[in-house]
Each structure stands twice: as structure tokens, then as C-alpha cells.
């Protein structure tokens, strides 16, 4: 049975059905699950921007991709989405990282699905770092015209006095993940089973306050916000185009 499943997996390309492209807004399932955690952050004077949510998985039993993207301010919403591209087929690209297959309930899906996750928590940070680089590279490879258009828009907003801290879109991208890494370092030091409660939120907020860049990101969002909300149809088309390229990738 296992041999048949593996052969089927090798022969059939992944697809990305429309129902598997899910916009995550302020009332998303992701944020609802983090309600107590966010209360902890807020008790320390910080809030979790709507843009800080996303996800990407291979539904391996269905040979489908699934992507959650944030419906928030333009550039950070795209940046988070770029990162999520890097998680698709990640264990095929990073064969050195052991994974396990898990049966899960999954938003917008009927019945349970099988996804892959790192077998060892020590590998989680490496997966995030790999996804960030791979996600950017995939977007540049499979949707270069659109990435150039994002850069053009970025420069137009700079002419309006926005995004003064950054010269190019890639600089904002790098800043964002360097900043987010401060929070991730703390997360991955915690036990996998730790509950996302108020205490956890307070501890994360206190950790953020120790780093000037991280504190700046959370306390002064005007440095990265432009006031334009991402267009859902546009970002969905972008996601579909890049996903086709990812499905066609070959691995040894």
C-alpha cells in the first residue's frame, strides 16, 4: 500500500484549487485561536498586526496546495505570502530535514487531510529561514513581471513620503523577516505543547521590547504601512501563477 501511494505521489502534480486560497482577515480562524495570546500582548502595550498571519501546506493525500494569505496592508501582505510560497513542497526541497505525516482538520476542507511537519522541533527555525529565501526566489522566477510591478508601486509610495526607512521592496522584505526572527527565536525555545495564552503573549511582548527593530515594527507600523489594502483577486492570481511553477519543480 505504501509503495502504491509513493508511486502515485511521484506521478501526480500538485494543484491549487480556488477554495484552497484563503484570505485571512481580522476575524480569521488563525486570530480567533490566538485571542488570549493577543490579549497578553495588548496588556504590554503591543498589538498583533493583521498582516502577521499566513500559512501554506501540502495536502499530500489530495495532491493539493493550500495557502492562507493576510488581507492587510499592501506590501507586508505580499511579503508574508512570498514566505508562504517557500513552505510548499519544502520537505522535497530540504531532504535533510526529517518530517512526519499528520492527519489534521484543516480550514475550508471537508474531512481530515494529511500534511507534513518537521519531526523535530529543533528544525523549525531552519524551515522558516529556508522558506523565506525560497519563497522570494520562487516569486522572482515564476512571476518576475509582477515582482517588478510591486517594486514600481513601492517607489511610487516612496515619492509620496511613505516607506522612508527603505530604498527598495527587497529591503522591506529583509527587514521584516529579520524583525520577525526575534519573535521566532523566542517561540522555538518554548515547548511545542505550550498554550498560546495571556502569559505567553506577555512574555513575547517583553522579549520584543528588548530589541529596538522588533519594538519599532510593532509600536510604529507607519514605517511599513502605506494605507492600501491588498486586492484579493490580484493576489489570488499571483498565488496561482507561482503555484503552477512550484508544482512543476523537479527534485532528485
C-alpha atoms as a PDB file:
ATOM      1  CA  UNK A   1       0.000   0.000   0.000  1.00  0.00           C
ATOM      2  CA  UNK A   2       2.810   2.410   0.878  1.00  0.00           C
ATOM      3  CA  UNK A   3       4.618   1.690  -2.389  1.00  0.00           C
ATOM      4  CA  UNK A   4       1.481   2.448  -4.380  1.00  0.00           C
ATOM      5  CA  UNK A   5       0.981   5.721  -2.503  1.00  0.00           C
ATOM      6  CA  UNK A   6       4.591   6.770  -3.161  1.00  0.00           C
ATOM      7  CA  UNK A   7       4.267   5.986  -6.866  1.00  0.00           C
ATOM      8  CA  UNK A   8       1.030   7.957  -7.042  1.00  0.00           C
ATOM      9  CA  UNK A   9       2.757  10.846  -5.272  1.00  0.00           C
ATOM     10  CA  UNK A  10       5.589  10.901  -7.771  1.00  0.00           C
ATOM     11  CA  UNK A  11       3.349  10.788 -10.819  1.00  0.00           C
ATOM     12  CA  UNK A  12       0.689  13.357  -9.991  1.00  0.00           C
ATOM     13  CA  UNK A  13       1.405  17.080  -9.866  1.00  0.00           C
ATOM     14  CA  UNK A  14       0.069  19.264  -7.099  1.00  0.00           C
ATOM     15  CA  UNK A  15      -2.825  21.596  -7.912  1.00  0.00           C
ATOM     16  CA  UNK A  16      -4.169  24.650  -6.124  1.00  0.00           C
ATOM     17  CA  UNK A  17      -7.993  24.742  -6.141  1.00  0.00           C
ATOM     18  CA  UNK A  18      -9.589  28.157  -5.615  1.00  0.00           C
ATOM     19  CA  UNK A  19     -11.117  27.013  -2.340  1.00  0.00           C
ATOM     20  CA  UNK A  20      -7.608  26.396  -1.006  1.00  0.00           C
ATOM     21  CA  UNK A  21      -6.578  30.059  -1.420  1.00  0.00           C
ATOM     22  CA  UNK A  22      -7.878  31.633   1.768  1.00  0.00           C
ATOM     23  CA  UNK A  23      -7.711  35.297   2.736  1.00  0.00           C
ATOM     24  CA  UNK A  24      -7.040  35.758   6.457  1.00  0.00           C
ATOM     25  CA  UNK A  25      -8.645  38.922   7.809  1.00  0.00           C
ATOM     26  CA  UNK A  26      -9.117  40.356  11.280  1.00  0.00           C
ATOM     27  CA  UNK A  27     -11.763  37.754  12.122  1.00  0.00           C
ATOM     28  CA  UNK A  28      -9.788  34.787  10.772  1.00  0.00           C
ATOM     29  CA  UNK A  29      -9.668  31.364  12.411  1.00  0.00           C
ATOM     30  CA  UNK A  30      -5.951  31.953  12.982  1.00  0.00           C
ATOM     31  CA  UNK A  31      -6.548  35.101  15.036  1.00  0.00           C
ATOM     32  CA  UNK A  32      -9.500  33.655  16.910  1.00  0.00           C
ATOM     33  CA  UNK A  33      -7.306  30.802  18.110  1.00  0.00           C
ATOM     34  CA  UNK A  34      -4.753  33.368  19.310  1.00  0.00           C
ATOM     35  CA  UNK A  35      -7.263  35.512  21.206  1.00  0.00           C
ATOM     36  CA  UNK A  36      -5.781  35.050  24.673  1.00  0.00           C
ATOM     37  CA  UNK A  37      -2.244  35.399  23.350  1.00  0.00           C
ATOM     38  CA  UNK A  38      -3.145  38.723  21.716  1.00  0.00           C
ATOM     39  CA  UNK A  39      -4.692  39.923  24.976  1.00  0.00           C
ATOM     40  CA  UNK A  40      -1.349  39.248  26.640  1.00  0.00           C
ATOM     41  CA  UNK A  41       0.454  41.312  24.008  1.00  0.00           C
ATOM     42  CA  UNK A  42      -2.031  44.137  24.409  1.00  0.00           C
ATOM     43  CA  UNK A  43      -1.569  44.176  28.185  1.00  0.00           C
ATOM     44  CA  UNK A  44       2.059  45.109  27.433  1.00  0.00           C
ATOM     45  CA  UNK A  45       1.035  47.853  25.008  1.00  0.00           C
ATOM     46  CA  UNK A  46       1.620  45.926  21.765  1.00  0.00           C
ATOM     47  CA  UNK A  47      -0.784  44.515  19.203  1.00  0.00           C
ATOM     48  CA  UNK A  48      -0.504  41.795  16.595  1.00  0.00           C
ATOM     49  CA  UNK A  49      -0.997  43.300  13.115  1.00  0.00           C
ATOM     50  CA  UNK A  50      -3.495  41.540  10.883  1.00  0.00           C
ATOM     51  CA  UNK A  51      -0.666  41.079   8.389  1.00  0.00           C
ATOM     52  CA  UNK A  52       1.149  38.666  10.722  1.00  0.00           C
ATOM     53  CA  UNK A  53      -0.802  35.600   9.723  1.00  0.00           C
ATOM     54  CA  UNK A  54      -0.452  33.141   6.916  1.00  0.00           C
ATOM     55  CA  UNK A  55       0.173  29.510   6.185  1.00  0.00           C
ATOM     56  CA  UNK A  56       0.967  27.047   3.431  1.00  0.00           C
ATOM     57  CA  UNK A  57       0.725  23.286   3.367  1.00  0.00           C
ATOM     58  CA  UNK A  58       0.928  20.366   1.002  1.00  0.00           C
ATOM     59  CA  UNK A  59      -2.228  18.295   1.437  1.00  0.00           C
ATOM     60  CA  UNK A  60      -0.253  15.241   0.436  1.00  0.00           C
ATOM     61  CA  UNK A  61      -3.118  12.761   0.280  1.00  0.00           C
ATOM     62  CA  UNK A  62      -5.055  15.024  -2.096  1.00  0.00           C
ATOM     63  CA  UNK A  63      -2.014  16.334  -4.003  1.00  0.00           C
ATOM     64  CA  UNK A  64      -3.228  19.863  -3.393  1.00  0.00           C
ATOM     65  CA  UNK A  65      -1.586  23.031  -2.139  1.00  0.00           C
ATOM     66  CA  UNK A  66      -3.355  25.186   0.440  1.00  0.00           C
ATOM     67  CA  UNK A  67      -2.365  28.789   1.176  1.00  0.00           C
ATOM     68  CA  UNK A  68      -3.607  31.328   3.711  1.00  0.00           C
ATOM     69  CA  UNK A  69      -2.559  34.889   2.893  1.00  0.00           C
ATOM     70  CA  UNK A  70      -3.162  38.026   5.007  1.00  0.00           C
ATOM     71  CA  UNK A  71      -5.723  40.574   3.836  1.00  0.00           C
ATOM     72  CA  UNK A  72      -3.923  43.608   5.169  1.00  0.00           C
ATOM     73  CA  UNK A  73      -1.688  46.463   4.101  1.00  0.00           C
ATOM     74  CA  UNK A  74      -0.300  46.001   0.602  1.00  0.00           C
ATOM     75  CA  UNK A  75       3.405  45.294   0.905  1.00  0.00           C
ATOM     76  CA  UNK A  76       3.532  43.289   4.127  1.00  0.00           C
ATOM     77  CA  UNK A  77       0.624  41.142   2.916  1.00  0.00           C
ATOM     78  CA  UNK A  78       2.629  40.275  -0.191  1.00  0.00           C
ATOM     79  CA  UNK A  79       5.793  39.722   1.834  1.00  0.00           C
ATOM     80  CA  UNK A  80       4.079  37.192   4.101  1.00  0.00           C
ATOM     81  CA  UNK A  81       2.646  35.471   1.028  1.00  0.00           C
ATOM     82  CA  UNK A  82       6.110  35.256  -0.544  1.00  0.00           C
ATOM     83  CA  UNK A  83       7.352  33.482   2.565  1.00  0.00           C
ATOM     84  CA  UNK A  84       4.470  31.012   2.428  1.00  0.00           C
ATOM     85  CA  UNK A  85       5.465  30.009  -1.113  1.00  0.00           C
ATOM     86  CA  UNK A  86       8.673  28.694   0.413  1.00  0.00           C
ATOM     87  CA  UNK A  87       6.812  26.165   2.558  1.00  0.00           C
ATOM     88  CA  UNK A  88       5.233  24.380  -0.397  1.00  0.00           C
ATOM     89  CA  UNK A  89       6.981  21.080  -1.191  1.00  0.00           C
ATOM     90  CA  UNK A  90       9.509  22.070   1.444  1.00  0.00           C
ATOM     91  CA  UNK A  91      10.389  18.576   2.545  1.00  0.00           C
ATOM     92  CA  UNK A  92      11.125  17.619  -1.044  1.00  0.00           C
ATOM     93  CA  UNK A  93      13.469  20.597  -1.352  1.00  0.00           C
ATOM     94  CA  UNK A  94      15.054  20.132   2.101  1.00  0.00           C
ATOM     95  CA  UNK A  95      15.535  16.396   2.210  1.00  0.00           C
ATOM     96  CA  UNK A  96      17.924  16.702   5.152  1.00  0.00           C
ATOM     97  CA  UNK A  97      15.045  17.644   7.473  1.00  0.00           C
ATOM     98  CA  UNK A  98      13.048  14.731   8.826  1.00  0.00           C
ATOM     99  CA  UNK A  99       9.275  15.031   8.643  1.00  0.00           C
ATOM    100  CA  UNK A 100       6.220  13.178   9.800  1.00  0.00           C
ATOM    101  CA  UNK A 101       2.804  12.937   8.185  1.00  0.00           C
ATOM    102  CA  UNK A 102      -0.075  14.067  10.364  1.00  0.00           C
ATOM    103  CA  UNK A 103      -3.818  13.780   9.959  1.00  0.00           C
ATOM    104  CA  UNK A 104      -5.482  17.118  10.664  1.00  0.00           C
ATOM    105  CA  UNK A 105      -8.710  19.062  10.416  1.00  0.00           C
ATOM    106  CA  UNK A 106      -7.990  21.904   8.014  1.00  0.00           C
ATOM    107  CA  UNK A 107      -9.905  25.162   7.345  1.00  0.00           C
ATOM    108  CA  UNK A 108     -12.200  25.104   4.330  1.00  0.00           C
ATOM    109  CA  UNK A 109     -11.678  21.361   3.803  1.00  0.00           C
ATOM    110  CA  UNK A 110     -14.223  18.579   4.048  1.00  0.00           C
ATOM    111  CA  UNK A 111     -12.907  15.784   6.212  1.00  0.00           C
ATOM    112  CA  UNK A 112      -9.391  15.382   7.512  1.00  0.00           C
ATOM    113  CA  UNK A 113      -6.257  15.905   5.440  1.00  0.00           C
ATOM    114  CA  UNK A 114      -2.676  14.661   5.701  1.00  0.00           C
ATOM    115  CA  UNK A 115       0.031  17.306   5.989  1.00  0.00           C
ATOM    116  CA  UNK A 116       3.763  17.149   6.672  1.00  0.00           C
ATOM    117  CA  UNK A 117       5.556  18.764   9.590  1.00  0.00           C
ATOM    118  CA  UNK A 118       9.079  18.698  10.980  1.00  0.00           C
ATOM    119  CA  UNK A 119       9.651  15.622  13.106  1.00  0.00           C
ATOM    120  CA  UNK A 120      11.993  17.524  15.439  1.00  0.00           C
ATOM    121  CA  UNK A 121      11.314  20.957  16.876  1.00  0.00           C
ATOM    122  CA  UNK A 122      14.997  21.852  16.520  1.00  0.00           C
ATOM    123  CA  UNK A 123      14.445  22.004  12.748  1.00  0.00           C
ATOM    124  CA  UNK A 124      11.601  24.542  12.885  1.00  0.00           C
ATOM    125  CA  UNK A 125      13.794  27.649  12.664  1.00  0.00           C
ATOM    126  CA  UNK A 126      15.713  26.207   9.701  1.00  0.00           C
ATOM    127  CA  UNK A 127      12.405  25.591   7.904  1.00  0.00           C
ATOM    128  CA  UNK A 128      11.371  29.214   8.411  1.00  0.00           C
ATOM    129  CA  UNK A 129      14.707  30.570   7.202  1.00  0.00           C
ATOM    130  CA  UNK A 130      14.657  28.275   4.163  1.00  0.00           C
ATOM    131  CA  UNK A 131      11.079  29.228   3.336  1.00  0.00           C
ATOM    132  CA  UNK A 132      11.902  32.937   3.370  1.00  0.00           C
ATOM    133  CA  UNK A 133      14.739  32.635   0.853  1.00  0.00           C
ATOM    134  CA  UNK A 134      12.996  30.043  -1.317  1.00  0.00           C
ATOM    135  CA  UNK A 135       9.733  31.991  -1.368  1.00  0.00           C
ATOM    136  CA  UNK A 136      11.396  35.119  -2.705  1.00  0.00           C
ATOM    137  CA  UNK A 137      13.373  33.161  -5.286  1.00  0.00           C
ATOM    138  CA  UNK A 138      10.274  31.321  -6.499  1.00  0.00           C
ATOM    139  CA  UNK A 139       8.299  34.530  -6.962  1.00  0.00           C
ATOM    140  CA  UNK A 140      11.167  36.116  -8.904  1.00  0.00           C
ATOM    141  CA  UNK A 141      11.424  33.017 -11.098  1.00  0.00           C
ATOM    142  CA  UNK A 142       7.738  32.330 -11.760  1.00  0.00           C
ATOM    143  CA  UNK A 143       6.210  35.845 -11.659  1.00  0.00           C
ATOM    144  CA  UNK A 144       9.033  38.306 -12.482  1.00  0.00           C
ATOM    145  CA  UNK A 145       6.762  40.834 -14.190  1.00  0.00           C
ATOM    146  CA  UNK A 146       4.526  41.108 -11.166  1.00  0.00           C
ATOM    147  CA  UNK A 147       7.503  41.414  -8.800  1.00  0.00           C
ATOM    148  CA  UNK A 148       8.752  44.288 -10.973  1.00  0.00           C
ATOM    149  CA  UNK A 149       5.312  45.885 -10.726  1.00  0.00           C
ATOM    150  CA  UNK A 150       5.429  45.636  -6.912  1.00  0.00           C
ATOM    151  CA  UNK A 151       8.770  47.432  -6.981  1.00  0.00           C
ATOM    152  CA  UNK A 152       7.285  50.173  -9.173  1.00  0.00           C
ATOM    153  CA  UNK A 153       4.416  50.650  -6.711  1.00  0.00           C
ATOM    154  CA  UNK A 154       6.876  50.684  -3.850  1.00  0.00           C
ATOM    155  CA  UNK A 155       8.791  53.535  -5.486  1.00  0.00           C
ATOM    156  CA  UNK A 156       5.567  55.458  -6.128  1.00  0.00           C
ATOM    157  CA  UNK A 157       4.727  55.310  -2.430  1.00  0.00           C
ATOM    158  CA  UNK A 158       8.227  56.497  -1.583  1.00  0.00           C
ATOM    159  CA  UNK A 159       7.579  59.595  -3.731  1.00  0.00           C
ATOM    160  CA  UNK A 160       4.530  60.222  -1.531  1.00  0.00           C
ATOM    161  CA  UNK A 161       6.706  60.195   1.585  1.00  0.00           C
ATOM    162  CA  UNK A 162       5.910  56.629   2.657  1.00  0.00           C
ATOM    163  CA  UNK A 163       8.394  53.835   3.424  1.00  0.00           C
ATOM    164  CA  UNK A 164      11.185  56.313   4.115  1.00  0.00           C
ATOM    165  CA  UNK A 165      13.237  53.747   6.031  1.00  0.00           C
ATOM    166  CA  UNK A 166      13.650  51.548   2.933  1.00  0.00           C
ATOM    167  CA  UNK A 167      15.076  52.097  -0.539  1.00  0.00           C
ATOM    168  CA  UNK A 168      13.597  49.022  -2.250  1.00  0.00           C
ATOM    169  CA  UNK A 169      10.901  46.410  -1.711  1.00  0.00           C
ATOM    170  CA  UNK A 170      13.576  43.780  -1.021  1.00  0.00           C
ATOM    171  CA  UNK A 171      14.890  45.914   1.857  1.00  0.00           C
ATOM    172  CA  UNK A 172      11.454  45.894   3.481  1.00  0.00           C
ATOM    173  CA  UNK A 173      11.265  42.140   2.893  1.00  0.00           C
ATOM    174  CA  UNK A 174      14.633  41.560   4.598  1.00  0.00           C
ATOM    175  CA  UNK A 175      13.799  43.939   7.456  1.00  0.00           C
ATOM    176  CA  UNK A 176      10.507  42.190   8.089  1.00  0.00           C
ATOM    177  CA  UNK A 177      11.996  38.716   8.427  1.00  0.00           C
ATOM    178  CA  UNK A 178      14.971  39.903  10.463  1.00  0.00           C
ATOM    179  CA  UNK A 179      12.485  41.521  12.827  1.00  0.00           C
ATOM    180  CA  UNK A 180      10.147  38.543  12.869  1.00  0.00           C
ATOM    181  CA  UNK A 181      13.117  36.304  13.589  1.00  0.00           C
ATOM    182  CA  UNK A 182      13.436  37.965  17.016  1.00  0.00           C
ATOM    183  CA  UNK A 183       9.989  36.692  17.907  1.00  0.00           C
ATOM    184  CA  UNK A 184      10.520  33.301  16.250  1.00  0.00           C
ATOM    185  CA  UNK A 185      13.714  32.694  18.249  1.00  0.00           C
ATOM    186  CA  UNK A 186      11.651  33.006  21.402  1.00  0.00           C
ATOM    187  CA  UNK A 187       8.835  30.823  20.053  1.00  0.00           C
ATOM    188  CA  UNK A 188      11.105  27.948  19.117  1.00  0.00           C
ATOM    189  CA  UNK A 189      12.716  27.937  22.550  1.00  0.00           C
ATOM    190  CA  UNK A 190       9.321  27.069  24.042  1.00  0.00           C
ATOM    191  CA  UNK A 191       7.862  23.555  24.349  1.00  0.00           C
ATOM    192  CA  UNK A 192       5.757  22.535  21.353  1.00  0.00           C
ATOM    193  CA  UNK A 193       2.798  21.908  23.638  1.00  0.00           C
ATOM    194  CA  UNK A 194       2.820  25.352  25.267  1.00  0.00           C
ATOM    195  CA  UNK A 195      -0.596  27.022  25.216  1.00  0.00           C
ATOM    196  CA  UNK A 196      -0.967  30.354  23.400  1.00  0.00           C
ATOM    197  CA  UNK A 197      -2.392  32.067  26.481  1.00  0.00           C
ATOM    198  CA  UNK A 198      -2.118  35.543  28.017  1.00  0.00           C
ATOM    199  CA  UNK A 199       1.061  34.733  29.898  1.00  0.00           C
ATOM    200  CA  UNK A 200       2.726  33.620  26.690  1.00  0.00           C
ATOM    201  CA  UNK A 201       1.626  36.846  24.998  1.00  0.00           C
ATOM    202  CA  UNK A 202       3.085  38.969  27.807  1.00  0.00           C
ATOM    203  CA  UNK A 203       6.392  37.117  27.655  1.00  0.00           C
ATOM    204  CA  UNK A 204       6.629  37.570  23.880  1.00  0.00           C
ATOM    205  CA  UNK A 205       5.866  41.293  24.244  1.00  0.00           C
ATOM    206  CA  UNK A 206       8.606  41.665  26.837  1.00  0.00           C
ATOM    207  CA  UNK A 207      11.018  39.858  24.513  1.00  0.00           C
ATOM    208  CA  UNK A 208      10.078  42.137  21.606  1.00  0.00           C
ATOM    209  CA  UNK A 209      10.729  45.241  23.717  1.00  0.00           C
ATOM    210  CA  UNK A 210      14.345  44.155  24.229  1.00  0.00           C
ATOM    211  CA  UNK A 211      15.120  44.555  20.518  1.00  0.00           C
ATOM    212  CA  UNK A 212      14.865  48.086  19.016  1.00  0.00           C
ATOM    213  CA  UNK A 213      13.971  46.892  15.490  1.00  0.00           C
ATOM    214  CA  UNK A 214      11.307  44.469  16.676  1.00  0.00           C
ATOM    215  CA  UNK A 215       9.818  47.068  19.006  1.00  0.00           C
ATOM    216  CA  UNK A 216       9.800  49.623  16.199  1.00  0.00           C
ATOM    217  CA  UNK A 217       7.909  47.251  13.899  1.00  0.00           C
ATOM    218  CA  UNK A 218       5.158  46.585  16.457  1.00  0.00           C
ATOM    219  CA  UNK A 219       4.923  50.033  18.026  1.00  0.00           C
ATOM    220  CA  UNK A 220       5.295  52.195  14.909  1.00  0.00           C
ATOM    221  CA  UNK A 221       3.588  50.407  11.987  1.00  0.00           C
ATOM    222  CA  UNK A 222       3.512  53.611   9.941  1.00  0.00           C
ATOM    223  CA  UNK A 223       7.088  52.855   8.900  1.00  0.00           C
ATOM    224  CA  UNK A 224       5.781  49.948   6.762  1.00  0.00           C
ATOM    225  CA  UNK A 225       2.110  50.732   6.174  1.00  0.00           C
ATOM    226  CA  UNK A 226       1.022  52.626   3.073  1.00  0.00           C
ATOM    227  CA  UNK A 227      -2.739  52.639   3.656  1.00  0.00           C
ATOM    228  CA  UNK A 228      -3.655  50.486   0.655  1.00  0.00           C
ATOM    229  CA  UNK A 229      -5.284  47.154   1.350  1.00  0.00           C
ATOM    230  CA  UNK A 230      -4.234  44.202  -0.769  1.00  0.00           C
ATOM    231  CA  UNK A 231      -6.615  43.406  -3.637  1.00  0.00           C
ATOM    232  CA  UNK A 232      -7.927  39.865  -3.164  1.00  0.00           C
ATOM    233  CA  UNK A 233      -8.328  38.989  -6.830  1.00  0.00           C
ATOM    234  CA  UNK A 234      -4.918  40.328  -7.732  1.00  0.00           C
ATOM    235  CA  UNK A 235      -3.082  38.442  -5.010  1.00  0.00           C
ATOM    236  CA  UNK A 236      -5.021  35.253  -5.787  1.00  0.00           C
ATOM    237  CA  UNK A 237      -3.911  35.436  -9.422  1.00  0.00           C
ATOM    238  CA  UNK A 238      -0.329  35.980  -8.272  1.00  0.00           C
ATOM    239  CA  UNK A 239      -0.542  32.982  -5.940  1.00  0.00           C
ATOM    240  CA  UNK A 240      -1.962  30.771  -8.698  1.00  0.00           C
ATOM    241  CA  UNK A 241       0.808  31.697 -11.128  1.00  0.00           C
ATOM    242  CA  UNK A 242       3.614  30.972  -8.675  1.00  0.00           C
ATOM    243  CA  UNK A 243       1.917  27.758  -7.507  1.00  0.00           C
ATOM    244  CA  UNK A 244       1.921  26.390 -11.066  1.00  0.00           C
ATOM    245  CA  UNK A 245       5.664  26.905 -11.229  1.00  0.00           C
ATOM    246  CA  UNK A 246       6.180  25.230  -7.856  1.00  0.00           C
ATOM    247  CA  UNK A 247       4.113  22.233  -8.966  1.00  0.00           C
ATOM    248  CA  UNK A 248       6.400  21.852 -11.985  1.00  0.00           C
ATOM    249  CA  UNK A 249       9.637  21.861  -9.993  1.00  0.00           C
ATOM    250  CA  UNK A 250      11.779  18.752 -10.275  1.00  0.00           C
ATOM    251  CA  UNK A 251      13.677  17.192  -7.373  1.00  0.00           C
ATOM    252  CA  UNK A 252      16.291  14.470  -7.418  1.00  0.00           C
END
